[in-house]
N, C-alpha and C. Protein backbone atom coordinates (compact mmCIF):
# COMPACT_ATOMS: atom_id res chain seq x y z
N MET A 1 130.15 57.33 58.73
CA MET A 1 130.70 58.48 58.02
C MET A 1 130.60 58.24 56.52
N GLU A 2 130.11 59.23 55.83
CA GLU A 2 130.06 59.17 54.36
C GLU A 2 131.45 59.52 53.83
N PRO A 3 132.05 58.70 52.96
CA PRO A 3 133.36 59.06 52.39
C PRO A 3 133.29 60.41 51.69
N THR A 4 134.35 61.20 51.85
CA THR A 4 134.41 62.54 51.27
C THR A 4 135.61 62.64 50.35
N ARG A 5 135.36 62.96 49.08
CA ARG A 5 136.45 63.17 48.12
C ARG A 5 136.84 64.64 48.15
N VAL A 6 138.16 64.88 48.29
CA VAL A 6 138.70 66.23 48.34
C VAL A 6 139.67 66.37 47.16
N GLU A 7 139.37 67.29 46.24
CA GLU A 7 140.25 67.53 45.11
C GLU A 7 141.51 68.25 45.58
N LYS A 8 142.65 67.87 45.02
CA LYS A 8 143.95 68.45 45.38
C LYS A 8 144.66 68.86 44.10
N PRO A 9 145.62 69.77 44.18
CA PRO A 9 146.35 70.15 42.96
C PRO A 9 147.19 69.00 42.39
N TRP A 10 147.49 68.00 43.20
CA TRP A 10 148.29 66.85 42.77
C TRP A 10 147.46 65.62 42.45
N GLY A 11 146.14 65.69 42.67
CA GLY A 11 145.26 64.54 42.44
C GLY A 11 144.02 64.67 43.32
N TRP A 12 143.78 63.69 44.20
CA TRP A 12 142.65 63.76 45.12
C TRP A 12 142.89 62.83 46.30
N GLU A 13 142.07 63.04 47.34
CA GLU A 13 142.06 62.10 48.46
C GLU A 13 140.62 61.78 48.80
N LEU A 14 140.42 60.57 49.27
CA LEU A 14 139.10 60.11 49.70
C LEU A 14 139.20 59.79 51.18
N ARG A 15 138.54 60.60 52.00
CA ARG A 15 138.54 60.39 53.44
C ARG A 15 137.40 59.44 53.77
N PHE A 16 137.75 58.24 54.23
CA PHE A 16 136.73 57.23 54.49
C PHE A 16 136.53 56.92 55.96
N ALA A 17 137.41 57.41 56.83
CA ALA A 17 137.25 57.16 58.26
C ALA A 17 137.89 58.30 59.05
N ARG A 18 137.19 58.74 60.09
CA ARG A 18 137.79 59.71 61.02
C ARG A 18 137.03 59.63 62.33
N THR A 19 137.74 59.22 63.37
CA THR A 19 137.19 59.16 64.70
C THR A 19 138.11 59.96 65.61
N ASP A 20 137.87 59.92 66.91
CA ASP A 20 138.76 60.61 67.83
C ASP A 20 140.06 59.84 68.05
N ARG A 21 140.20 58.64 67.42
CA ARG A 21 141.40 57.82 67.60
C ARG A 21 142.17 57.55 66.32
N TYR A 22 141.53 57.61 65.15
CA TYR A 22 142.21 57.29 63.89
C TYR A 22 141.51 57.94 62.71
N ALA A 23 142.24 57.96 61.56
CA ALA A 23 141.69 58.44 60.30
C ALA A 23 142.19 57.53 59.18
N GLY A 24 141.40 57.40 58.12
CA GLY A 24 141.79 56.61 56.97
C GLY A 24 141.50 57.35 55.69
N LYS A 25 142.46 57.33 54.75
CA LYS A 25 142.31 58.03 53.47
C LYS A 25 142.88 57.16 52.35
N VAL A 26 142.34 57.38 51.16
CA VAL A 26 142.92 56.87 49.92
C VAL A 26 143.42 58.11 49.18
N LEU A 27 144.68 58.09 48.72
CA LEU A 27 145.25 59.21 47.98
C LEU A 27 145.58 58.78 46.56
N TYR A 28 145.20 59.60 45.60
CA TYR A 28 145.60 59.41 44.21
C TYR A 28 146.53 60.56 43.86
N ILE A 29 147.76 60.24 43.43
CA ILE A 29 148.75 61.25 43.05
C ILE A 29 149.13 61.02 41.60
N ARG A 30 148.96 62.04 40.78
CA ARG A 30 149.31 61.94 39.35
C ARG A 30 150.81 61.78 39.17
N ALA A 31 151.21 61.03 38.17
CA ALA A 31 152.63 60.85 37.85
C ALA A 31 153.31 62.21 37.71
N GLY A 32 154.46 62.37 38.36
CA GLY A 32 155.22 63.60 38.29
C GLY A 32 154.82 64.65 39.31
N ALA A 33 153.70 64.47 39.99
CA ALA A 33 153.24 65.44 40.99
C ALA A 33 153.80 65.06 42.36
N GLN A 34 153.84 66.06 43.24
CA GLN A 34 154.31 65.80 44.59
C GLN A 34 153.52 66.63 45.59
N LEU A 35 153.42 66.11 46.81
CA LEU A 35 152.79 66.83 47.90
C LEU A 35 153.79 67.79 48.51
N SER A 36 153.36 68.59 49.44
CA SER A 36 154.24 69.51 50.15
C SER A 36 155.35 68.76 50.87
N LEU A 37 156.51 69.40 50.99
CA LEU A 37 157.52 68.93 51.92
C LEU A 37 157.01 69.40 53.27
N GLN A 38 156.74 68.47 54.18
CA GLN A 38 155.99 68.79 55.39
C GLN A 38 156.43 67.97 56.58
N ARG A 39 155.92 68.37 57.74
CA ARG A 39 156.05 67.57 58.95
C ARG A 39 154.78 67.76 59.75
N HIS A 40 154.59 66.87 60.72
CA HIS A 40 153.43 66.94 61.61
C HIS A 40 153.93 66.97 63.04
N ASP A 41 153.33 67.81 63.87
CA ASP A 41 153.71 67.87 65.28
C ASP A 41 153.13 66.70 66.06
N ARG A 42 151.88 66.31 65.76
CA ARG A 42 151.21 65.23 66.50
C ARG A 42 150.81 64.05 65.63
N LYS A 43 150.49 64.29 64.38
CA LYS A 43 149.96 63.24 63.51
C LYS A 43 150.99 62.15 63.26
N ASP A 44 150.59 60.92 63.48
CA ASP A 44 151.40 59.73 63.24
C ASP A 44 150.71 58.98 62.09
N GLU A 45 151.44 58.65 61.04
CA GLU A 45 150.78 58.05 59.88
C GLU A 45 151.58 56.89 59.30
N ALA A 46 150.87 56.06 58.56
CA ALA A 46 151.49 54.96 57.81
C ALA A 46 150.80 54.90 56.46
N LEU A 47 151.56 54.46 55.46
CA LEU A 47 150.99 54.36 54.12
C LEU A 47 151.32 53.02 53.49
N LEU A 48 150.46 52.62 52.56
CA LEU A 48 150.65 51.42 51.76
C LEU A 48 150.46 51.81 50.31
N VAL A 49 151.42 51.47 49.45
CA VAL A 49 151.28 51.73 48.03
C VAL A 49 150.43 50.61 47.44
N HIS A 50 149.23 50.97 46.99
CA HIS A 50 148.31 49.99 46.41
C HIS A 50 148.55 49.82 44.91
N GLU A 51 148.85 50.95 44.24
CA GLU A 51 149.16 50.93 42.80
C GLU A 51 150.23 51.97 42.53
N GLY A 52 151.13 51.67 41.60
CA GLY A 52 152.12 52.64 41.16
C GLY A 52 153.43 52.57 41.91
N THR A 53 154.27 53.59 41.65
CA THR A 53 155.58 53.72 42.28
C THR A 53 155.69 55.12 42.87
N LEU A 54 156.12 55.18 44.12
CA LEU A 54 156.20 56.42 44.88
C LEU A 54 157.62 56.64 45.38
N ASP A 55 158.13 57.87 45.24
CA ASP A 55 159.37 58.26 45.92
C ASP A 55 158.95 58.97 47.20
N LEU A 56 159.39 58.43 48.33
CA LEU A 56 159.15 59.04 49.62
C LEU A 56 160.40 59.81 49.99
N VAL A 57 160.29 61.14 50.02
CA VAL A 57 161.41 62.01 50.36
C VAL A 57 161.39 62.18 51.88
N LEU A 58 162.52 61.89 52.53
CA LEU A 58 162.62 61.98 53.98
C LEU A 58 163.75 62.93 54.34
N GLY A 59 163.48 63.96 55.15
CA GLY A 59 164.51 64.89 55.60
C GLY A 59 164.67 66.08 54.68
N LEU A 60 165.64 66.92 55.04
CA LEU A 60 165.90 68.17 54.33
C LEU A 60 167.26 68.15 53.65
N GLY A 61 167.35 68.72 52.47
CA GLY A 61 168.61 68.96 51.77
C GLY A 61 169.56 67.78 51.75
N ALA A 62 170.84 68.04 52.05
CA ALA A 62 171.88 67.02 52.00
C ALA A 62 171.65 65.91 53.03
N GLU A 63 170.93 66.22 54.09
CA GLU A 63 170.66 65.21 55.11
C GLU A 63 169.48 64.31 54.72
N GLY A 64 168.78 64.66 53.65
CA GLY A 64 167.61 63.91 53.24
C GLY A 64 167.97 62.67 52.43
N ARG A 65 166.97 61.83 52.25
CA ARG A 65 167.12 60.65 51.41
C ARG A 65 165.79 60.35 50.74
N VAL A 66 165.85 59.57 49.68
CA VAL A 66 164.65 59.19 48.95
C VAL A 66 164.53 57.67 49.00
N VAL A 67 163.35 57.21 49.39
CA VAL A 67 163.06 55.78 49.44
C VAL A 67 162.02 55.50 48.37
N ARG A 68 162.33 54.59 47.46
CA ARG A 68 161.38 54.23 46.41
C ARG A 68 160.48 53.10 46.93
N LEU A 69 159.18 53.35 46.85
CA LEU A 69 158.19 52.37 47.30
C LEU A 69 157.35 51.93 46.11
N ALA A 70 157.32 50.64 45.88
CA ALA A 70 156.52 50.06 44.80
C ALA A 70 155.26 49.43 45.38
N LYS A 71 154.40 48.97 44.52
CA LYS A 71 153.14 48.34 44.91
C LYS A 71 153.39 47.29 45.99
N GLY A 72 152.58 47.37 47.05
CA GLY A 72 152.66 46.40 48.13
C GLY A 72 153.59 46.78 49.28
N LEU A 73 154.35 47.88 49.12
CA LEU A 73 155.27 48.29 50.18
C LEU A 73 154.61 49.36 51.07
N SER A 74 155.01 49.38 52.34
CA SER A 74 154.44 50.33 53.29
C SER A 74 155.55 51.04 54.05
N TRP A 75 155.16 52.12 54.75
CA TRP A 75 156.12 52.93 55.50
C TRP A 75 155.41 53.62 56.65
N HIS A 76 156.08 53.72 57.78
CA HIS A 76 155.57 54.45 58.95
C HIS A 76 156.25 55.81 59.02
N ILE A 77 155.46 56.88 59.25
CA ILE A 77 155.99 58.24 59.35
C ILE A 77 155.60 58.78 60.73
N PRO A 78 156.54 58.72 61.70
CA PRO A 78 156.23 59.23 63.04
C PRO A 78 156.15 60.76 63.06
N PRO A 79 155.49 61.33 64.08
CA PRO A 79 155.43 62.79 64.21
C PRO A 79 156.84 63.40 64.17
N GLY A 80 156.94 64.59 63.55
CA GLY A 80 158.22 65.29 63.47
C GLY A 80 159.07 64.93 62.27
N THR A 81 158.71 63.89 61.53
CA THR A 81 159.48 63.45 60.36
C THR A 81 159.20 64.37 59.17
N VAL A 82 160.23 64.99 58.62
CA VAL A 82 160.08 65.79 57.41
C VAL A 82 159.93 64.82 56.25
N HIS A 83 158.87 64.99 55.43
CA HIS A 83 158.61 64.04 54.36
C HIS A 83 157.81 64.68 53.22
N ARG A 84 157.84 63.98 52.09
CA ARG A 84 157.10 64.39 50.90
C ARG A 84 156.81 63.13 50.08
N PHE A 85 155.61 63.05 49.50
CA PHE A 85 155.27 61.98 48.57
C PHE A 85 155.44 62.53 47.15
N ARG A 86 156.18 61.80 46.32
CA ARG A 86 156.41 62.20 44.93
C ARG A 86 156.07 60.99 44.05
N ALA A 87 155.10 61.15 43.16
CA ALA A 87 154.65 60.04 42.32
C ALA A 87 155.56 59.87 41.11
N VAL A 88 156.15 58.70 40.97
CA VAL A 88 156.95 58.36 39.80
C VAL A 88 155.99 57.98 38.67
N THR A 89 154.99 57.18 39.00
CA THR A 89 153.89 56.83 38.10
C THR A 89 152.61 57.25 38.81
N ASP A 90 151.47 57.16 38.15
CA ASP A 90 150.21 57.39 38.86
C ASP A 90 150.19 56.46 40.07
N CYS A 91 149.83 56.98 41.23
CA CYS A 91 149.87 56.21 42.48
C CYS A 91 148.52 56.23 43.18
N LEU A 92 148.19 55.12 43.78
CA LEU A 92 147.05 55.02 44.67
C LEU A 92 147.59 54.51 46.00
N LEU A 93 147.43 55.31 47.05
CA LEU A 93 147.96 54.99 48.37
C LEU A 93 146.83 54.84 49.37
N PHE A 94 147.02 53.95 50.33
CA PHE A 94 146.16 53.89 51.51
C PHE A 94 146.94 54.51 52.65
N GLU A 95 146.33 55.44 53.36
CA GLU A 95 146.97 56.09 54.49
C GLU A 95 146.09 55.93 55.73
N VAL A 96 146.70 55.50 56.82
CA VAL A 96 146.04 55.48 58.11
C VAL A 96 146.85 56.37 59.05
N SER A 97 146.16 57.06 59.96
CA SER A 97 146.86 57.99 60.83
C SER A 97 146.05 58.25 62.09
N THR A 98 146.69 58.98 62.99
CA THR A 98 145.93 59.57 64.08
C THR A 98 145.05 60.65 63.46
N PRO A 99 144.04 61.16 64.18
CA PRO A 99 143.01 61.98 63.53
C PRO A 99 143.36 63.44 63.26
N GLU A 100 144.57 63.89 63.53
CA GLU A 100 144.91 65.31 63.38
C GLU A 100 145.23 65.66 61.93
N LEU A 101 144.22 65.63 61.06
CA LEU A 101 144.44 65.85 59.63
C LEU A 101 144.89 67.28 59.31
N GLU A 102 144.58 68.24 60.17
CA GLU A 102 144.98 69.63 59.93
C GLU A 102 146.38 69.94 60.45
N ASP A 103 147.03 68.97 61.08
CA ASP A 103 148.37 69.15 61.66
C ASP A 103 149.42 69.02 60.56
N VAL A 104 149.60 70.10 59.80
CA VAL A 104 150.54 70.12 58.68
C VAL A 104 151.38 71.39 58.77
N VAL A 105 152.70 71.24 58.77
CA VAL A 105 153.61 72.37 58.68
C VAL A 105 154.33 72.22 57.34
N ARG A 106 153.99 73.09 56.38
CA ARG A 106 154.58 73.02 55.05
C ARG A 106 155.91 73.74 55.03
N LEU A 107 156.95 73.06 54.57
CA LEU A 107 158.28 73.65 54.44
C LEU A 107 158.53 74.12 53.01
N GLU A 108 157.96 73.41 52.04
CA GLU A 108 157.99 73.77 50.62
C GLU A 108 156.69 73.31 50.00
N ASP A 109 156.21 74.04 48.99
CA ASP A 109 154.98 73.64 48.32
C ASP A 109 154.98 74.16 46.89
N ASP A 110 154.70 73.28 45.95
CA ASP A 110 154.68 73.65 44.53
C ASP A 110 153.46 74.47 44.14
N TYR A 111 152.47 74.57 45.03
CA TYR A 111 151.19 75.14 44.67
C TYR A 111 150.88 76.43 45.42
N GLY A 112 151.87 77.03 46.11
CA GLY A 112 151.71 78.32 46.75
C GLY A 112 150.79 78.34 47.96
N ARG A 113 150.65 77.20 48.64
CA ARG A 113 149.77 77.15 49.81
C ARG A 113 150.50 77.61 51.07
N ALA A 114 149.76 78.07 52.03
CA ALA A 114 150.30 78.63 53.28
C ALA A 114 151.14 77.60 54.04
N GLY A 115 151.94 78.08 55.01
CA GLY A 115 152.90 77.26 55.72
C GLY A 115 152.38 76.37 56.81
N VAL A 116 151.37 76.78 57.58
CA VAL A 116 150.96 75.98 58.73
C VAL A 116 149.48 75.69 58.66
N GLY A 117 149.14 74.40 58.78
CA GLY A 117 147.76 73.98 58.88
C GLY A 117 146.94 74.28 57.66
N ASP A 118 145.68 73.85 57.71
CA ASP A 118 144.80 74.05 56.59
C ASP A 118 143.37 74.37 56.99
N GLY A 119 143.05 74.19 58.23
CA GLY A 119 141.69 74.47 58.66
C GLY A 119 140.68 73.54 58.06
N PRO A 120 139.41 73.85 58.16
CA PRO A 120 138.35 72.94 57.78
C PRO A 120 138.18 72.71 56.29
N GLU A 121 138.79 73.53 55.45
CA GLU A 121 138.61 73.33 54.01
C GLU A 121 139.35 72.12 53.47
N GLY A 122 140.21 71.50 54.27
CA GLY A 122 140.80 70.22 53.90
C GLY A 122 141.84 70.26 52.82
N ARG A 123 142.72 71.22 52.81
CA ARG A 123 143.74 71.30 51.77
C ARG A 123 145.03 70.61 52.16
N THR A 124 145.06 69.79 53.18
CA THR A 124 146.30 69.17 53.63
C THR A 124 146.97 68.37 52.52
N GLY A 125 148.30 68.27 52.62
CA GLY A 125 149.05 67.47 51.66
C GLY A 125 149.64 68.18 50.55
């Protein structure tokens, strides 16, 4: 597979692996930017902060919490977990997951994108 760079309103992602069993991406998130508050019905993912500092928002409203992840720290996000990545500084993340990259249910989004899925144009996150 040829790596594919996908421009995002918060930075970019580089998709370097996708099979019927797993997917791998590198995400760059600009300082102060954040991805959608989202959940996945089937997608199971884990991330590693390679550079920068990331606030991982987990849950909704008063029931939610924020976990600060610095360089070298990782986190597992099982299906159904409400979450959001928020860059404190410029961040470079490695993400591995099951292959359902279009499995995104957006609960909030700073960029006016639709609520469910993204289809083949690759706007997830």
